[in-house]
């Protein structure tokens, strides 16, 4: 089974058009996509989690 694509936080921020500070504020409110922390401390977001988050945003906007 292939492993899900993991995006770097910088890639996620570019895609959603948001600053790191705004992302972390949203994360503190529980409104950001789920982050995974790698053993080296870097953060990743799975493509599936980001896509699910986008879908939730679209439903909330409707």
N, C-alpha and C. Protein backbone atom coordinates (compact mmCIF):
# COMPACT_ATOMS: atom_id res chain seq x y z
N UNK A 1 0.84 -1.18 0.00
CA UNK A 1 0.00 0.00 0.00
C UNK A 1 0.89 1.25 0.00
N UNK A 2 0.59 2.18 -0.88
CA UNK A 2 1.39 3.41 -0.98
C UNK A 2 1.07 4.34 0.19
N UNK A 3 2.11 5.03 0.65
CA UNK A 3 1.93 5.96 1.75
C UNK A 3 1.33 7.26 1.22
N UNK A 4 0.46 7.86 2.02
CA UNK A 4 -0.18 9.10 1.62
C UNK A 4 0.84 10.21 1.47
N UNK A 5 0.61 11.08 0.51
CA UNK A 5 1.50 12.22 0.28
C UNK A 5 1.48 13.15 1.49
N UNK A 6 2.67 13.51 1.96
CA UNK A 6 2.80 14.43 3.09
C UNK A 6 3.35 15.76 2.56
N UNK A 7 2.67 16.83 2.88
CA UNK A 7 3.07 18.16 2.43
C UNK A 7 3.80 18.90 3.53
N UNK A 8 4.82 19.66 3.16
CA UNK A 8 5.51 20.50 4.12
C UNK A 8 4.57 21.65 4.49
N UNK A 9 4.75 22.18 5.70
CA UNK A 9 3.90 23.27 6.15
C UNK A 9 3.98 24.45 5.19
N UNK A 10 5.16 24.76 4.66
CA UNK A 10 5.30 25.87 3.72
C UNK A 10 4.45 25.64 2.46
N UNK A 11 4.37 24.39 2.01
CA UNK A 11 3.54 24.05 0.84
C UNK A 11 2.07 24.26 1.15
N UNK A 12 1.68 23.86 2.34
CA UNK A 12 0.28 24.01 2.76
C UNK A 12 -0.07 25.50 2.85
N UNK A 13 0.80 26.28 3.47
CA UNK A 13 0.54 27.71 3.62
C UNK A 13 0.42 28.39 2.27
N UNK A 14 1.26 27.99 1.32
CA UNK A 14 1.19 28.57 -0.02
C UNK A 14 -0.13 28.19 -0.69
N UNK A 15 -0.53 26.94 -0.56
CA UNK A 15 -1.77 26.49 -1.21
C UNK A 15 -3.00 27.19 -0.65
N UNK A 16 -3.03 27.37 0.67
CA UNK A 16 -4.22 27.98 1.27
C UNK A 16 -4.12 29.50 1.36
N UNK A 17 -2.95 30.05 1.01
CA UNK A 17 -2.78 31.50 0.99
C UNK A 17 -2.87 32.13 2.37
N UNK A 18 -2.14 31.57 3.30
CA UNK A 18 -2.22 32.01 4.69
C UNK A 18 -0.83 32.12 5.29
N UNK A 19 -0.66 33.08 6.19
CA UNK A 19 0.62 33.22 6.88
C UNK A 19 0.75 32.12 7.94
N UNK A 20 1.98 31.88 8.34
CA UNK A 20 2.24 30.89 9.39
C UNK A 20 1.54 31.28 10.68
N UNK A 21 1.58 32.58 11.04
CA UNK A 21 0.95 33.05 12.27
C UNK A 21 -0.56 32.83 12.24
N UNK A 22 -1.19 33.16 11.10
CA UNK A 22 -2.63 32.96 10.97
C UNK A 22 -2.98 31.46 11.05
N UNK A 23 -2.15 30.63 10.44
CA UNK A 23 -2.37 29.19 10.49
C UNK A 23 -2.34 28.68 11.93
N UNK A 24 -1.34 29.13 12.69
CA UNK A 24 -1.22 28.67 14.08
C UNK A 24 -2.37 29.20 14.95
N UNK A 25 -2.85 30.41 14.67
CA UNK A 25 -4.03 30.91 15.40
C UNK A 25 -5.24 30.02 15.10
N UNK A 26 -5.41 29.68 13.84
CA UNK A 26 -6.51 28.81 13.44
C UNK A 26 -6.35 27.42 14.07
N UNK A 27 -5.12 26.94 14.11
CA UNK A 27 -4.85 25.63 14.73
C UNK A 27 -5.19 25.64 16.21
N UNK A 28 -4.88 26.75 16.89
CA UNK A 28 -5.19 26.86 18.32
C UNK A 28 -6.69 26.81 18.57
N UNK A 29 -7.47 27.25 17.59
CA UNK A 29 -8.94 27.20 17.71
C UNK A 29 -9.50 25.86 17.24
N UNK A 30 -8.63 24.95 16.80
CA UNK A 30 -9.07 23.64 16.32
C UNK A 30 -9.68 23.69 14.94
N UNK A 31 -9.29 24.67 14.13
CA UNK A 31 -9.89 24.86 12.81
C UNK A 31 -8.92 24.61 11.65
N UNK A 32 -7.76 24.06 11.93
CA UNK A 32 -6.76 23.83 10.88
C UNK A 32 -6.67 22.34 10.57
N UNK A 33 -6.10 22.00 9.40
CA UNK A 33 -5.90 20.58 9.10
C UNK A 33 -4.93 19.96 10.11
N UNK A 34 -5.06 18.67 10.30
CA UNK A 34 -4.24 17.95 11.26
C UNK A 34 -2.78 17.94 10.83
N UNK A 35 -1.89 18.22 11.78
CA UNK A 35 -0.44 18.21 11.54
C UNK A 35 0.17 16.94 12.11
N UNK A 36 1.20 16.45 11.43
CA UNK A 36 2.00 15.34 11.95
C UNK A 36 3.41 15.87 12.16
N UNK A 37 4.03 15.49 13.26
CA UNK A 37 5.40 15.92 13.55
C UNK A 37 6.34 14.75 13.27
N UNK A 38 7.32 15.00 12.43
CA UNK A 38 8.31 13.98 12.10
C UNK A 38 9.34 13.89 13.23
N UNK A 39 10.08 12.79 13.29
CA UNK A 39 11.10 12.64 14.34
C UNK A 39 12.13 13.78 14.36
N UNK A 40 12.37 14.43 13.21
CA UNK A 40 13.32 15.54 13.16
C UNK A 40 12.68 16.87 13.55
N UNK A 41 11.40 16.85 13.92
CA UNK A 41 10.71 18.05 14.37
C UNK A 41 9.96 18.79 13.27
N UNK A 42 10.15 18.40 12.02
CA UNK A 42 9.43 19.06 10.94
C UNK A 42 7.96 18.66 10.96
N UNK A 43 7.11 19.58 10.48
CA UNK A 43 5.67 19.35 10.45
C UNK A 43 5.22 19.00 9.04
N UNK A 44 4.26 18.10 8.96
CA UNK A 44 3.70 17.69 7.68
C UNK A 44 2.17 17.61 7.81
N UNK A 45 1.51 17.80 6.67
CA UNK A 45 0.06 17.63 6.58
C UNK A 45 -0.18 16.64 5.46
N UNK A 46 -0.97 15.62 5.71
CA UNK A 46 -1.24 14.66 4.64
C UNK A 46 -2.18 15.31 3.62
N UNK A 47 -2.02 14.93 2.37
CA UNK A 47 -2.87 15.45 1.29
C UNK A 47 -4.33 15.15 1.61
N UNK A 48 -4.61 13.95 2.13
CA UNK A 48 -5.99 13.56 2.45
C UNK A 48 -6.57 14.47 3.53
N UNK A 49 -5.79 14.80 4.57
CA UNK A 49 -6.28 15.68 5.63
C UNK A 49 -6.52 17.08 5.10
N UNK A 50 -5.63 17.57 4.22
CA UNK A 50 -5.81 18.91 3.66
C UNK A 50 -7.04 18.95 2.77
N UNK A 51 -7.23 17.92 1.95
CA UNK A 51 -8.41 17.87 1.09
C UNK A 51 -9.70 17.82 1.91
N UNK A 52 -9.69 17.05 3.00
CA UNK A 52 -10.87 16.97 3.88
C UNK A 52 -11.13 18.32 4.53
N UNK A 53 -10.07 19.03 4.92
CA UNK A 53 -10.21 20.34 5.53
C UNK A 53 -10.82 21.33 4.53
N UNK A 54 -10.33 21.30 3.27
CA UNK A 54 -10.90 22.16 2.22
C UNK A 54 -12.39 21.89 2.07
N UNK A 55 -12.77 20.62 2.06
CA UNK A 55 -14.18 20.26 1.89
C UNK A 55 -15.02 20.82 3.03
N UNK A 56 -14.50 20.75 4.25
CA UNK A 56 -15.20 21.30 5.42
C UNK A 56 -15.35 22.81 5.28
N UNK A 57 -14.30 23.48 4.81
CA UNK A 57 -14.37 24.94 4.62
C UNK A 57 -15.45 25.29 3.60
N UNK A 58 -15.51 24.53 2.52
CA UNK A 58 -16.52 24.79 1.48
C UNK A 58 -17.94 24.58 2.03
N UNK A 59 -18.12 23.54 2.84
CA UNK A 59 -19.45 23.27 3.40
C UNK A 59 -19.85 24.36 4.39
N UNK A 60 -18.89 24.86 5.17
CA UNK A 60 -19.19 25.91 6.14
C UNK A 60 -19.50 27.24 5.46
N UNK A 61 -18.96 27.44 4.24
CA UNK A 61 -19.17 28.69 3.52
C UNK A 61 -20.53 28.69 2.81
N UNK A 62 -21.08 27.51 2.60
CA UNK A 62 -22.35 27.42 1.86
C UNK A 62 -23.54 27.79 2.71
